[in-house]
Amino acid sequence: MMVKKINWDSIPTEQVTPMMERKILSGEKMMIAKMKFKDGFRVPLHHHENEQITSVISGTIRFWFGENKEQEMDLQAGDMVVIPSNLPHEALMIGDVEEIDSWAPPRQDWLDGTDDYLRK
């Protein structure tokens, strides 16, 4: 088995919307994405089978968790959160945000471009 070193700078940037761009690296069992968002970008309430870890590099992300957004949490630079499989969540970017998300298993909707909930 050959292992290959990869640098974020070598991964193409996908402009998902005028307010969101991302770089994606996927293995067989997990996936990681480095993203930049403009102030005010909202990720609508959604859920997925994938366990997710979000790590904030800069800016603030306000999360709501639960079907009725029962729990609210602000994450700032250096903060991380583990989002369990199938937990509904929504997010609002406060200021320009750079962050890294990891999922297991990989997000098939992101890989095949069917992530319409983000593109509206």
PDB file of N, CA and C in Angstrom:
ATOM      1  N   MET A   1       0.845  -1.188   0.000  1.00  0.00           N
ATOM      2  CA  MET A   1       0.000   0.000   0.000  1.00  0.00           C
ATOM      3  C   MET A   1       0.884   1.243   0.000  1.00  0.00           C
ATOM      4  N   MET A   2       0.613   2.151  -0.926  1.00  0.00           N
ATOM      5  CA  MET A   2       1.345   3.417  -0.984  1.00  0.00           C
ATOM      6  C   MET A   2       0.510   4.505  -0.303  1.00  0.00           C
ATOM      7  N   VAL A   3       1.142   5.228   0.581  1.00  0.00           N
ATOM      8  CA  VAL A   3       0.498   6.340   1.269  1.00  0.00           C
ATOM      9  C   VAL A   3       1.022   7.624   0.650  1.00  0.00           C
ATOM     10  N   LYS A   4       0.111   8.554   0.372  1.00  0.00           N
ATOM     11  CA  LYS A   4       0.476   9.774  -0.334  1.00  0.00           C
ATOM     12  C   LYS A   4       0.244  10.986   0.560  1.00  0.00           C
ATOM     13  N   LYS A   5       1.210  11.871   0.610  1.00  0.00           N
ATOM     14  CA  LYS A   5       1.076  13.129   1.354  1.00  0.00           C
ATOM     15  C   LYS A   5       0.260  14.106   0.506  1.00  0.00           C
ATOM     16  N   ILE A   6      -0.660  14.791   1.162  1.00  0.00           N
ATOM     17  CA  ILE A   6      -1.522  15.761   0.463  1.00  0.00           C
ATOM     18  C   ILE A   6      -1.480  17.071   1.242  1.00  0.00           C
ATOM     19  N   ASN A   7      -1.423  18.187   0.523  1.00  0.00           N
ATOM     20  CA  ASN A   7      -1.460  19.517   1.136  1.00  0.00           C
ATOM     21  C   ASN A   7      -2.777  20.185   0.750  1.00  0.00           C
ATOM     22  N   TRP A   8      -3.388  20.925   1.702  1.00  0.00           N
ATOM     23  CA  TRP A   8      -4.648  21.611   1.402  1.00  0.00           C
ATOM     24  C   TRP A   8      -4.520  22.457   0.129  1.00  0.00           C
ATOM     25  N   ASP A   9      -3.354  23.081  -0.093  1.00  0.00           N
ATOM     26  CA  ASP A   9      -3.167  23.949  -1.266  1.00  0.00           C
ATOM     27  C   ASP A   9      -3.278  23.191  -2.583  1.00  0.00           C
ATOM     28  N   SER A  10      -3.088  21.866  -2.554  1.00  0.00           N
ATOM     29  CA  SER A  10      -3.153  21.079  -3.789  1.00  0.00           C
ATOM     30  C   SER A  10      -4.573  20.593  -4.105  1.00  0.00           C
ATOM     31  N   ILE A  11      -5.506  20.802  -3.172  1.00  0.00           N
ATOM     32  CA  ILE A  11      -6.893  20.364  -3.378  1.00  0.00           C
ATOM     33  C   ILE A  11      -7.680  21.506  -4.002  1.00  0.00           C
ATOM     34  N   PRO A  12      -8.398  21.230  -5.109  1.00  0.00           N
ATOM     35  CA  PRO A  12      -9.164  22.309  -5.753  1.00  0.00           C
ATOM     36  C   PRO A  12     -10.250  22.860  -4.831  1.00  0.00           C
ATOM     37  N   THR A  13     -10.485  24.163  -4.948  1.00  0.00           N
ATOM     38  CA  THR A  13     -11.537  24.829  -4.177  1.00  0.00           C
ATOM     39  C   THR A  13     -12.828  24.797  -4.986  1.00  0.00           C
ATOM     40  N   GLU A  14     -13.901  24.335  -4.338  1.00  0.00           N
ATOM     41  CA  GLU A  14     -15.228  24.339  -4.961  1.00  0.00           C
ATOM     42  C   GLU A  14     -16.000  25.532  -4.417  1.00  0.00           C
ATOM     43  N   GLN A  15     -16.487  26.400  -5.314  1.00  0.00           N
ATOM     44  CA  GLN A  15     -17.322  27.534  -4.915  1.00  0.00           C
ATOM     45  C   GLN A  15     -18.766  27.029  -4.892  1.00  0.00           C
ATOM     46  N   VAL A  16     -19.259  26.657  -3.714  1.00  0.00           N
ATOM     47  CA  VAL A  16     -20.587  26.055  -3.576  1.00  0.00           C
ATOM     48  C   VAL A  16     -21.671  27.106  -3.797  1.00  0.00           C
ATOM     49  N   THR A  17     -21.510  28.257  -3.164  1.00  0.00           N
ATOM     50  CA  THR A  17     -22.382  29.421  -3.354  1.00  0.00           C
ATOM     51  C   THR A  17     -21.457  30.635  -3.293  1.00  0.00           C
ATOM     52  N   PRO A  18     -21.968  31.835  -3.590  1.00  0.00           N
ATOM     53  CA  PRO A  18     -21.104  33.018  -3.448  1.00  0.00           C
ATOM     54  C   PRO A  18     -20.596  33.216  -2.006  1.00  0.00           C
ATOM     55  N   MET A  19     -21.257  32.563  -1.016  1.00  0.00           N
ATOM     56  CA  MET A  19     -20.883  32.738   0.391  1.00  0.00           C
ATOM     57  C   MET A  19     -20.190  31.525   0.995  1.00  0.00           C
ATOM     58  N   MET A  20     -19.965  30.472   0.192  1.00  0.00           N
ATOM     59  CA  MET A  20     -19.369  29.245   0.741  1.00  0.00           C
ATOM     60  C   MET A  20     -18.423  28.614  -0.268  1.00  0.00           C
ATOM     61  N   GLU A  21     -17.222  28.300   0.210  1.00  0.00           N
ATOM     62  CA  GLU A  21     -16.284  27.528  -0.606  1.00  0.00           C
ATOM     63  C   GLU A  21     -15.710  26.405   0.249  1.00  0.00           C
ATOM     64  N   ARG A  22     -15.305  25.317  -0.429  1.00  0.00           N
ATOM     65  CA  ARG A  22     -14.796  24.172   0.315  1.00  0.00           C
ATOM     66  C   ARG A  22     -13.769  23.390  -0.486  1.00  0.00           C
ATOM     67  N   LYS A  23     -12.936  22.664   0.257  1.00  0.00           N
ATOM     68  CA  LYS A  23     -11.975  21.704  -0.288  1.00  0.00           C
ATOM     69  C   LYS A  23     -12.300  20.388   0.402  1.00  0.00           C
ATOM     70  N   ILE A  24     -12.385  19.303  -0.366  1.00  0.00           N
ATOM     71  CA  ILE A  24     -12.784  18.007   0.192  1.00  0.00           C
ATOM     72  C   ILE A  24     -11.714  16.965  -0.076  1.00  0.00           C
ATOM     73  N   LEU A  25     -11.416  16.183   0.958  1.00  0.00           N
ATOM     74  CA  LEU A  25     -10.546  15.017   0.827  1.00  0.00           C
ATOM     75  C   LEU A  25     -11.304  13.842   1.425  1.00  0.00           C
ATOM     76  N   SER A  26     -11.431  12.758   0.658  1.00  0.00           N
ATOM     77  CA  SER A  26     -12.184  11.609   1.129  1.00  0.00           C
ATOM     78  C   SER A  26     -11.352  10.343   1.022  1.00  0.00           C
ATOM     79  N   GLY A  27     -11.421   9.555   2.075  1.00  0.00           N
ATOM     80  CA  GLY A  27     -10.863   8.213   2.060  1.00  0.00           C
ATOM     81  C   GLY A  27     -12.010   7.225   1.937  1.00  0.00           C
ATOM     82  N   GLU A  28     -11.732   5.985   2.225  1.00  0.00           N
ATOM     83  CA  GLU A  28     -12.766   4.954   2.119  1.00  0.00           C
ATOM     84  C   GLU A  28     -13.788   5.058   3.247  1.00  0.00           C
ATOM     85  N   LYS A  29     -13.335   5.367   4.467  1.00  0.00           N
ATOM     86  CA  LYS A  29     -14.224   5.330   5.626  1.00  0.00           C
ATOM     87  C   LYS A  29     -14.460   6.672   6.292  1.00  0.00           C
ATOM     88  N   MET A  30     -13.714   7.705   5.884  1.00  0.00           N
ATOM     89  CA  MET A  30     -13.964   9.034   6.445  1.00  0.00           C
ATOM     90  C   MET A  30     -13.649  10.118   5.428  1.00  0.00           C
ATOM     91  N   MET A  31     -14.105  11.332   5.723  1.00  0.00           N
ATOM     92  CA  MET A  31     -13.956  12.464   4.809  1.00  0.00           C
ATOM     93  C   MET A  31     -13.699  13.712   5.644  1.00  0.00           C
ATOM     94  N   ILE A  32     -12.922  14.628   5.062  1.00  0.00           N
ATOM     95  CA  ILE A  32     -12.635  15.898   5.737  1.00  0.00           C
ATOM     96  C   ILE A  32     -12.822  17.018   4.723  1.00  0.00           C
ATOM     97  N   ALA A  33     -13.330  18.153   5.200  1.00  0.00           N
ATOM     98  CA  ALA A  33     -13.515  19.317   4.329  1.00  0.00           C
ATOM     99  C   ALA A  33     -13.056  20.559   5.073  1.00  0.00           C
ATOM    100  N   LYS A  34     -12.329  21.408   4.355  1.00  0.00           N
ATOM    101  CA  LYS A  34     -11.909  22.708   4.887  1.00  0.00           C
ATOM    102  C   LYS A  34     -12.771  23.744   4.171  1.00  0.00           C
ATOM    103  N   MET A  35     -13.465  24.571   4.949  1.00  0.00           N
ATOM    104  CA  MET A  35     -14.449  25.483   4.363  1.00  0.00           C
ATOM    105  C   MET A  35     -14.265  26.910   4.847  1.00  0.00           C
ATOM    106  N   LYS A  36     -14.682  27.818   3.973  1.00  0.00           N
ATOM    107  CA  LYS A  36     -14.739  29.241   4.304  1.00  0.00           C
ATOM    108  C   LYS A  36     -16.146  29.729   3.989  1.00  0.00           C
ATOM    109  N   PHE A  37     -16.702  30.501   4.937  1.00  0.00           N
ATOM    110  CA  PHE A  37     -18.040  31.056   4.796  1.00  0.00           C
ATOM    111  C   PHE A  37     -17.994  32.557   5.016  1.00  0.00           C
ATOM    112  N   LYS A  38     -18.852  33.281   4.329  1.00  0.00           N
ATOM    113  CA  LYS A  38     -19.006  34.713   4.573  1.00  0.00           C
ATOM    114  C   LYS A  38     -20.038  34.911   5.694  1.00  0.00           C
ATOM    115  N   ASP A  39     -19.905  36.032   6.392  1.00  0.00           N
ATOM    116  CA  ASP A  39     -20.802  36.396   7.481  1.00  0.00           C
ATOM    117  C   ASP A  39     -22.259  36.253   7.046  1.00  0.00           C
ATOM    118  N   GLY A  40     -23.055  35.596   7.877  1.00  0.00           N
ATOM    119  CA  GLY A  40     -24.486  35.489   7.621  1.00  0.00           C
ATOM    120  C   GLY A  40     -24.898  34.219   6.891  1.00  0.00           C
ATOM    121  N   PHE A  41     -23.938  33.428   6.407  1.00  0.00           N
ATOM    122  CA  PHE A  41     -24.310  32.177   5.726  1.00  0.00           C
ATOM    123  C   PHE A  41     -25.006  31.261   6.724  1.00  0.00           C
ATOM    124  N   ARG A  42     -26.101  30.662   6.278  1.00  0.00           N
ATOM    125  CA  ARG A  42     -26.866  29.759   7.144  1.00  0.00           C
ATOM    126  C   ARG A  42     -26.909  28.376   6.515  1.00  0.00           C
ATOM    127  N   VAL A  43     -26.567  27.374   7.320  1.00  0.00           N
ATOM    128  CA  VAL A  43     -26.750  25.973   6.931  1.00  0.00           C
ATOM    129  C   VAL A  43     -28.105  25.575   7.503  1.00  0.00           C
ATOM    130  N   PRO A  44     -29.098  25.265   6.645  1.00  0.00           N
ATOM    131  CA  PRO A  44     -30.435  24.969   7.155  1.00  0.00           C
ATOM    132  C   PRO A  44     -30.469  23.689   7.990  1.00  0.00           C
ATOM    133  N   LEU A  45     -31.521  23.561   8.792  1.00  0.00           N
ATOM    134  CA  LEU A  45     -31.702  22.380   9.629  1.00  0.00           C
ATOM    135  C   LEU A  45     -31.683  21.129   8.755  1.00  0.00           C
ATOM    136  N   HIS A  46     -30.834  20.192   9.110  1.00  0.00           N
ATOM    137  CA  HIS A  46     -30.692  18.943   8.351  1.00  0.00           C
ATOM    138  C   HIS A  46     -30.110  17.881   9.266  1.00  0.00           C
ATOM    139  N   HIS A  47     -30.087  16.662   8.801  1.00  0.00           N
ATOM    140  CA  HIS A  47     -29.422  15.590   9.543  1.00  0.00           C
ATOM    141  C   HIS A  47     -28.908  14.585   8.528  1.00  0.00           C
ATOM    142  N   HIS A  48     -27.981  13.745   8.966  1.00  0.00           N
ATOM    143  CA  HIS A  48     -27.384  12.749   8.089  1.00  0.00           C
ATOM    144  C   HIS A  48     -26.890  11.593   8.943  1.00  0.00           C
ATOM    145  N   GLU A  49     -26.709  10.450   8.291  1.00  0.00           N
ATOM    146  CA  GLU A  49     -26.248   9.255   9.003  1.00  0.00           C
ATOM    147  C   GLU A  49     -24.821   9.398   9.515  1.00  0.00           C
ATOM    148  N   ASN A  50     -24.076  10.343   8.948  1.00  0.00           N
ATOM    149  CA  ASN A  50     -22.655  10.481   9.239  1.00  0.00           C
ATOM    150  C   ASN A  50     -22.420  11.155  10.589  1.00  0.00           C
ATOM    151  N   GLU A  51     -21.519  10.583  11.384  1.00  0.00           N
ATOM    152  CA  GLU A  51     -21.044  11.288  12.570  1.00  0.00           C
ATOM    153  C   GLU A  51     -20.156  12.431  12.066  1.00  0.00           C
ATOM    154  N   GLN A  52     -20.239  13.587  12.704  1.00  0.00           N
ATOM    155  CA  GLN A  52     -19.522  14.784  12.231  1.00  0.00           C
ATOM    156  C   GLN A  52     -18.743  15.404  13.375  1.00  0.00           C
ATOM    157  N   ILE A  53     -17.527  15.842  13.075  1.00  0.00           N
ATOM    158  CA  ILE A  53     -16.751  16.655  14.014  1.00  0.00           C
ATOM    159  C   ILE A  53     -16.456  17.975  13.319  1.00  0.00           C
ATOM    160  N   THR A  54     -16.826  19.075  13.963  1.00  0.00           N
ATOM    161  CA  THR A  54     -16.575  20.412  13.437  1.00  0.00           C
ATOM    162  C   THR A  54     -15.531  21.096  14.305  1.00  0.00           C
ATOM    163  N   SER A  55     -14.533  21.692  13.653  1.00  0.00           N
ATOM    164  CA  SER A  55     -13.458  22.409  14.340  1.00  0.00           C
ATOM    165  C   SER A  55     -13.350  23.807  13.737  1.00  0.00           C
ATOM    166  N   VAL A  56     -13.509  24.831  14.565  1.00  0.00           N
ATOM    167  CA  VAL A  56     -13.493  26.213  14.083  1.00  0.00           C
ATOM    168  C   VAL A  56     -12.064  26.750  14.108  1.00  0.00           C
ATOM    169  N   ILE A  57     -11.637  27.304  12.968  1.00  0.00           N
ATOM    170  CA  ILE A  57     -10.316  27.921  12.852  1.00  0.00           C
ATOM    171  C   ILE A  57     -10.415  29.415  13.155  1.00  0.00           C
ATOM    172  N   SER A  58     -11.434  30.078  12.573  1.00  0.00           N
ATOM    173  CA  SER A  58     -11.644  31.513  12.849  1.00  0.00           C
ATOM    174  C   SER A  58     -13.115  31.852  12.666  1.00  0.00           C
ATOM    175  N   GLY A  59     -13.539  32.915  13.340  1.00  0.00           N
ATOM    176  CA  GLY A  59     -14.939  33.327  13.298  1.00  0.00           C
ATOM    177  C   GLY A  59     -15.754  32.574  14.343  1.00  0.00           C
ATOM    178  N   THR A  60     -17.072  32.718  14.260  1.00  0.00           N
ATOM    179  CA  THR A  60     -17.994  32.083  15.209  1.00  0.00           C
ATOM    180  C   THR A  60     -19.090  31.361  14.433  1.00  0.00           C
ATOM    181  N   ILE A  61     -19.376  30.132  14.846  1.00  0.00           N
ATOM    182  CA  ILE A  61     -20.508  29.381  14.295  1.00  0.00           C
ATOM    183  C   ILE A  61     -21.516  29.194  15.417  1.00  0.00           C
ATOM    184  N   ARG A  62     -22.746  29.640  15.179  1.00  0.00           N
ATOM    185  CA  ARG A  62     -23.835  29.388  16.129  1.00  0.00           C
ATOM    186  C   ARG A  62     -24.583  28.155  15.635  1.00  0.00           C
ATOM    187  N   PHE A  63     -24.600  27.117  16.446  1.00  0.00           N
ATOM    188  CA  PHE A  63     -25.307  25.878  16.124  1.00  0.00           C
ATOM    189  C   PHE A  63     -26.595  25.790  16.918  1.00  0.00           C
ATOM    190  N   TRP A  64     -27.596  25.156  16.310  1.00  0.00           N
ATOM    191  CA  TRP A  64     -28.798  24.728  17.000  1.00  0.00           C
ATOM    192  C   TRP A  64     -28.894  23.227  16.780  1.00  0.00           C
ATOM    193  N   PHE A  65     -29.183  22.496  17.848  1.00  0.00           N
ATOM    194  CA  PHE A  65     -29.268  21.042  17.784  1.00  0.00           C
ATOM    195  C   PHE A  65     -30.654  20.584  18.211  1.00  0.00           C
ATOM    196  N   GLY A  66     -31.147  19.543  17.562  1.00  0.00           N
ATOM    197  CA  GLY A  66     -32.445  18.959  17.888  1.00  0.00           C
ATOM    198  C   GLY A  66     -33.495  19.362  16.876  1.00  0.00           C
ATOM    199  N   GLU A  67     -34.522  18.545  16.776  1.00  0.00           N
ATOM    200  CA  GLU A  67     -35.620  18.755  15.819  1.00  0.00           C
ATOM    201  C   GLU A  67     -36.242  20.132  15.991  1.00  0.00           C
ATOM    202  N   ASN A  68     -36.369  20.580  17.246  1.00  0.00           N
ATOM    203  CA  ASN A  68     -36.955  21.892  17.547  1.00  0.00           C
ATOM    204  C   ASN A  68     -35.903  22.894  17.997  1.00  0.00           C
ATOM    205  N   LYS A  69     -34.654  22.628  17.635  1.00  0.00           N
ATOM    206  CA  LYS A  69     -33.520  23.500  17.976  1.00  0.00           C
ATOM    207  C   LYS A  69     -33.447  23.758  19.480  1.00  0.00           C
ATOM    208  N   GLU A  70     -33.588  22.665  20.251  1.00  0.00           N
ATOM    209  CA  GLU A  70     -33.630  22.773  21.719  1.00  0.00           C
ATOM    210  C   GLU A  70     -32.315  23.283  22.318  1.00  0.00           C
ATOM    211  N   GLN A  71     -31.194  22.976  21.683  1.00  0.00           N
ATOM    212  CA  GLN A  71     -29.901  23.363  22.249  1.00  0.00           C
ATOM    213  C   GLN A  71     -29.198  24.333  21.307  1.00  0.00           C
ATOM    214  N   GLU A  72     -28.699  25.441  21.850  1.00  0.00           N
ATOM    215  CA  GLU A  72     -27.948  26.438  21.072  1.00  0.00           C
ATOM    216  C   GLU A  72     -26.523  26.472  21.611  1.00  0.00           C
ATOM    217  N   MET A  73     -25.561  26.609  20.684  1.00  0.00           N
ATOM    218  CA  MET A  73     -24.153  26.604  21.101  1.00  0.00           C
ATOM    219  C   MET A  73     -23.339  27.457  20.139  1.00  0.00           C
ATOM    220  N   ASP A  74     -22.511  28.348  20.666  1.00  0.00           N
ATOM    221  CA  ASP A  74     -21.584  29.129  19.841  1.00  0.00           C
ATOM    222  C   ASP A  74     -20.200  28.502  19.923  1.00  0.00           C
ATOM    223  N   LEU A  75     -19.585  28.286  18.757  1.00  0.00           N
ATOM    224  CA  LEU A  75     -18.224  27.775  18.683  1.00  0.00           C
ATOM    225  C   LEU A  75     -17.330  28.866  18.113  1.00  0.00           C
ATOM    226  N   GLN A  76     -16.183  29.087  18.765  1.00  0.00           N
ATOM    227  CA  GLN A  76     -15.216  30.067  18.294  1.00  0.00           C
ATOM    228  C   GLN A  76     -13.893  29.397  17.998  1.00  0.00           C
ATOM    229  N   ALA A  77     -12.920  30.168  17.543  1.00  0.00           N
ATOM    230  CA  ALA A  77     -11.611  29.617  17.163  1.00  0.00           C
ATOM    231  C   ALA A  77     -11.090  28.675  18.237  1.00  0.00           C
ATOM    232  N   GLY A  78     -10.726  27.464  17.817  1.00  0.00           N
ATOM    233  CA  GLY A  78     -10.202  26.460  18.731  1.00  0.00           C
ATOM    234  C   GLY A  78     -11.254  25.529  19.297  1.00  0.00           C
ATOM    235  N   ASP A  79     -12.539  25.892  19.160  1.00  0.00           N
ATOM    236  CA  ASP A  79     -13.616  25.047  19.683  1.00  0.00           C
ATOM    237  C   ASP A  79     -13.966  23.946  18.685  1.00  0.00           C
ATOM    238  N   MET A  80     -14.401  22.801  19.231  1.00  0.00           N
ATOM    239  CA  MET A  80     -14.829  21.662  18.417  1.00  0.00           C
ATOM    240  C   MET A  80     -16.103  21.093  19.013  1.00  0.00           C
ATOM    241  N   VAL A  81     -16.859  20.387  18.163  1.00  0.00           N
ATOM    242  CA  VAL A  81     -18.060  19.697  18.631  1.00  0.00           C
ATOM    243  C   VAL A  81     -18.194  18.399  17.846  1.00  0.00           C
ATOM    244  N   VAL A  82     -18.662  17.356  18.542  1.00  0.00           N
ATOM    245  CA  VAL A  82     -18.978  16.085  17.901  1.00  0.00           C
ATOM    246  C   VAL A  82     -20.495  16.040  17.741  1.00  0.00           C
ATOM    247  N   ILE A  83     -20.958  15.894  16.496  1.00  0.00           N
ATOM    248  CA  ILE A  83     -22.392  15.840  16.204  1.00  0.00           C
ATOM    249  C   ILE A  83     -22.740  14.378  15.902  1.00  0.00           C
ATOM    250  N   PRO A  84     -23.544  13.760  16.770  1.00  0.00           N
ATOM    251  CA  PRO A  84     -23.875  12.346  16.562  1.00  0.00           C
ATOM    252  C   PRO A  84     -24.675  12.112  15.277  1.00  0.00           C
ATOM    253  N   SER A  85     -24.614  10.889  14.810  1.00  0.00           N
ATOM    254  CA  SER A  85     -25.364  10.455  13.634  1.00  0.00           C
ATOM    255  C   SER A  85     -26.851  10.790  13.792  1.00  0.00           C
ATOM    256  N   ASN A  86     -27.443  11.343  12.731  1.00  0.00           N
ATOM    257  CA  ASN A  86     -28.883  11.629  12.635  1.00  0.00           C
ATOM    258  C   ASN A  86     -29.409  12.710  13.579  1.00  0.00           C
ATOM    259  N   LEU A  87     -28.527  13.465  14.246  1.00  0.00           N
ATOM    260  CA  LEU A  87     -29.001  14.567  15.098  1.00  0.00           C
ATOM    261  C   LEU A  87     -29.268  15.788  14.216  1.00  0.00           C
ATOM    262  N   PRO A  88     -30.521  16.296  14.176  1.00  0.00           N
ATOM    263  CA  PRO A  88     -30.787  17.498  13.389  1.00  0.00           C
ATOM    264  C   PRO A  88     -29.934  18.665  13.906  1.00  0.00           C
ATOM    265  N   HIS A  89     -29.390  19.450  12.968  1.00  0.00           N
ATOM    266  CA  HIS A  89     -28.588  20.610  13.349  1.00  0.00           C
ATOM    267  C   HIS A  89     -28.669  21.685  12.267  1.00  0.00           C
ATOM    268  N   GLU A  90     -28.515  22.919  12.722  1.00  0.00           N
ATOM    269  CA  GLU A  90     -28.538  24.110  11.871  1.00  0.00           C
ATOM    270  C   GLU A  90     -27.383  24.985  12.326  1.00  0.00           C
ATOM    271  N   ALA A  91     -26.853  25.805  11.401  1.00  0.00           N
ATOM    272  CA  ALA A  91     -25.717  26.648  11.785  1.00  0.00           C
ATOM    273  C   ALA A  91     -25.806  28.013  11.107  1.00  0.00           C
ATOM    274  N   LEU A  92     -25.328  29.036  11.813  1.00  0.00           N
ATOM    275  CA  LEU A  92     -25.247  30.400  11.302  1.00  0.00           C
ATOM    276  C   LEU A  92     -23.815  30.883  11.498  1.00  0.00           C
ATOM    277  N   MET A  93     -23.246  31.445  10.414  1.00  0.00           N
ATOM    278  CA  MET A  93     -21.890  31.980  10.502  1.00  0.00           C
ATOM    279  C   MET A  93     -21.961  33.430  10.981  1.00  0.00           C
ATOM    280  N   ILE A  94     -21.234  33.721  12.048  1.00  0.00           N
ATOM    281  CA  ILE A  94     -21.190  35.066  12.620  1.00  0.00           C
ATOM    282  C   ILE A  94     -19.792  35.596  12.341  1.00  0.00           C
ATOM    283  N   GLY A  95     -19.705  36.562  11.434  1.00  0.00           N
ATOM    284  CA  GLY A  95     -18.412  36.997  10.922  1.00  0.00           C
ATOM    285  C   GLY A  95     -17.960  35.994   9.869  1.00  0.00           C
ATOM    286  N   ASP A  96     -16.864  36.287   9.188  1.00  0.00           N
ATOM    287  CA  ASP A  96     -16.316  35.328   8.230  1.00  0.00           C
ATOM    288  C   ASP A  96     -15.762  34.151   9.024  1.00  0.00           C
ATOM    289  N   VAL A  97     -16.032  32.953   8.547  1.00  0.00           N
ATOM    290  CA  VAL A  97     -15.682  31.732   9.287  1.00  0.00           C
ATOM    291  C   VAL A  97     -14.810  30.835   8.420  1.00  0.00           C
ATOM    292  N   GLU A  98     -13.773  30.267   9.042  1.00  0.00           N
ATOM    293  CA  GLU A  98     -13.017  29.176   8.433  1.00  0.00           C
ATOM    294  C   GLU A  98     -13.096  28.011   9.412  1.00  0.00           C
ATOM    295  N   GLU A  99     -13.397  26.824   8.884  1.00  0.00           N
ATOM    296  CA  GLU A  99     -13.558  25.663   9.753  1.00  0.00           C
ATOM    297  C   GLU A  99     -13.262  24.390   8.996  1.00  0.00           C
ATOM    298  N   ILE A 100     -13.099  23.312   9.759  1.00  0.00           N
ATOM    299  CA  ILE A 100     -12.844  21.988   9.187  1.00  0.00           C
ATOM    300  C   ILE A 100     -13.883  21.033   9.755  1.00  0.00           C
ATOM    301  N   ASP A 101     -14.545  20.296   8.852  1.00  0.00           N
ATOM    302  CA  ASP A 101     -15.490  19.255   9.250  1.00  0.00           C
ATOM    303  C   ASP A 101     -14.936  17.906   8.829  1.00  0.00           C
ATOM    304  N   SER A 102     -15.176  16.904   9.661  1.00  0.00           N
ATOM    305  CA  SER A 102     -14.830  15.520   9.337  1.00  0.00           C
ATOM    306  C   SER A 102     -16.082  14.673   9.512  1.00  0.00           C
ATOM    307  N   TRP A 103     -16.245  13.677   8.655  1.00  0.00           N
ATOM    308  CA  TRP A 103     -17.401  12.784   8.730  1.00  0.00           C
ATOM    309  C   TRP A 103     -16.966  11.340   8.569  1.00  0.00           C
ATOM    310  N   ALA A 104     -17.706  10.460   9.229  1.00  0.00           N
ATOM    311  CA  ALA A 104     -17.565   9.025   8.992  1.00  0.00           C
ATOM    312  C   ALA A 104     -18.976   8.444   8.998  1.00  0.00           C
ATOM    313  N   PRO A 105     -19.349   7.703   7.974  1.00  0.00           N
ATOM    314  CA  PRO A 105     -18.634   7.512   6.712  1.00  0.00           C
ATOM    315  C   PRO A 105     -18.632   8.799   5.879  1.00  0.00           C
ATOM    316  N   PRO A 106     -17.953   8.811   4.716  1.00  0.00           N
ATOM    317  CA  PRO A 106     -17.948  10.013   3.863  1.00  0.00           C
ATOM    318  C   PRO A 106     -19.364  10.449   3.474  1.00  0.00           C
ATOM    319  N   ARG A 107     -19.534  11.755   3.272  1.00  0.00           N
ATOM    320  CA  ARG A 107     -20.817  12.329   2.842  1.00  0.00           C
ATOM    321  C   ARG A 107     -20.996  12.100   1.344  1.00  0.00           C
ATOM    322  N   GLN A 108     -21.760  11.104   0.981  1.00  0.00           N
ATOM    323  CA  GLN A 108     -21.967  10.794  -0.437  1.00  0.00           C
ATOM    324  C   GLN A 108     -22.632  11.956  -1.171  1.00  0.00           C
ATOM    325  N   ASP A 109     -23.564  12.672  -0.496  1.00  0.00           N
ATOM    326  CA  ASP A 109     -24.247  13.804  -1.142  1.00  0.00           C
ATOM    327  C   ASP A 109     -23.259  14.917  -1.509  1.00  0.00           C
ATOM    328  N   TRP A 110     -22.215  15.096  -0.714  1.00  0.00           N
ATOM    329  CA  TRP A 110     -21.195  16.100  -1.031  1.00  0.00           C
ATOM    330  C   TRP A 110     -20.318  15.632  -2.177  1.00  0.00           C
ATOM    331  N   LEU A 111     -20.057  14.345  -2.224  1.00  0.00           N
ATOM    332  CA  LEU A 111     -19.184  13.810  -3.270  1.00  0.00           C
ATOM    333  C   LEU A 111     -19.876  13.771  -4.628  1.00  0.00           C
ATOM    334  N   ASP A 112     -21.188  13.521  -4.631  1.00  0.00           N
ATOM    335  CA  ASP A 112     -21.885  13.413  -5.928  1.00  0.00           C
ATOM    336  C   ASP A 112     -22.678  14.665  -6.307  1.00  0.00           C
ATOM    337  N   GLY A 113     -22.596  15.732  -5.463  1.00  0.00           N
ATOM    338  CA  GLY A 113     -23.221  17.006  -5.810  1.00  0.00           C
ATOM    339  C   GLY A 113     -24.719  17.084  -5.559  1.00  0.00           C
ATOM    340  N   THR A 114     -25.267  16.179  -4.738  1.00  0.00           N
ATOM    341  CA  THR A 114     -26.703  16.223  -4.439  1.00  0.00           C
ATOM    342  C   THR A 114     -26.996  16.931  -3.111  1.00  0.00           C
ATOM    343  N   ASP A 115     -26.075  17.768  -2.657  1.00  0.00           N
ATOM    344  CA  ASP A 115     -26.226  18.502  -1.395  1.00  0.00           C
ATOM    345  C   ASP A 115     -26.988  19.813  -1.629  1.00  0.00           C
ATOM    346  N   ASP A 116     -28.192  19.694  -2.191  1.00  0.00           N
ATOM    347  CA  ASP A 116     -28.982  20.865  -2.583  1.00  0.00           C
ATOM    348  C   ASP A 116     -29.340  21.767  -1.403  1.00  0.00           C
ATOM    349  N   TYR A 117     -29.470  21.201  -0.196  1.00  0.00           N
ATOM    350  CA  TYR A 117     -29.832  21.990   0.970  1.00  0.00           C
ATOM    351  C   TYR A 117     -28.844  23.120   1.206  1.00  0.00           C
ATOM    352  N   LEU A 118     -27.585  22.984   0.753  1.00  0.00           N
ATOM    353  CA  LEU A 118     -26.566  24.016   0.943  1.00  0.00           C
ATOM    354  C   LEU A 118     -26.592  25.065  -0.168  1.00  0.00           C
ATOM    355  N   ARG A 119     -27.106  24.700  -1.313  1.00  0.00           N
ATOM    356  CA  ARG A 119     -26.959  25.530  -2.516  1.00  0.00           C
ATOM    357  C   ARG A 119     -28.117  26.485  -2.736  1.00  0.00           C
ATOM    358  N   LYS A 120     -29.107  26.446  -1.856  1.00  0.00           N
ATOM    359  CA  LYS A 120     -30.292  27.319  -2.018  1.00  0.00           C
ATOM    360  C   LYS A 120     -30.012  28.725  -1.555  1.00  0.00           C
TER     361      LYS A 120
END
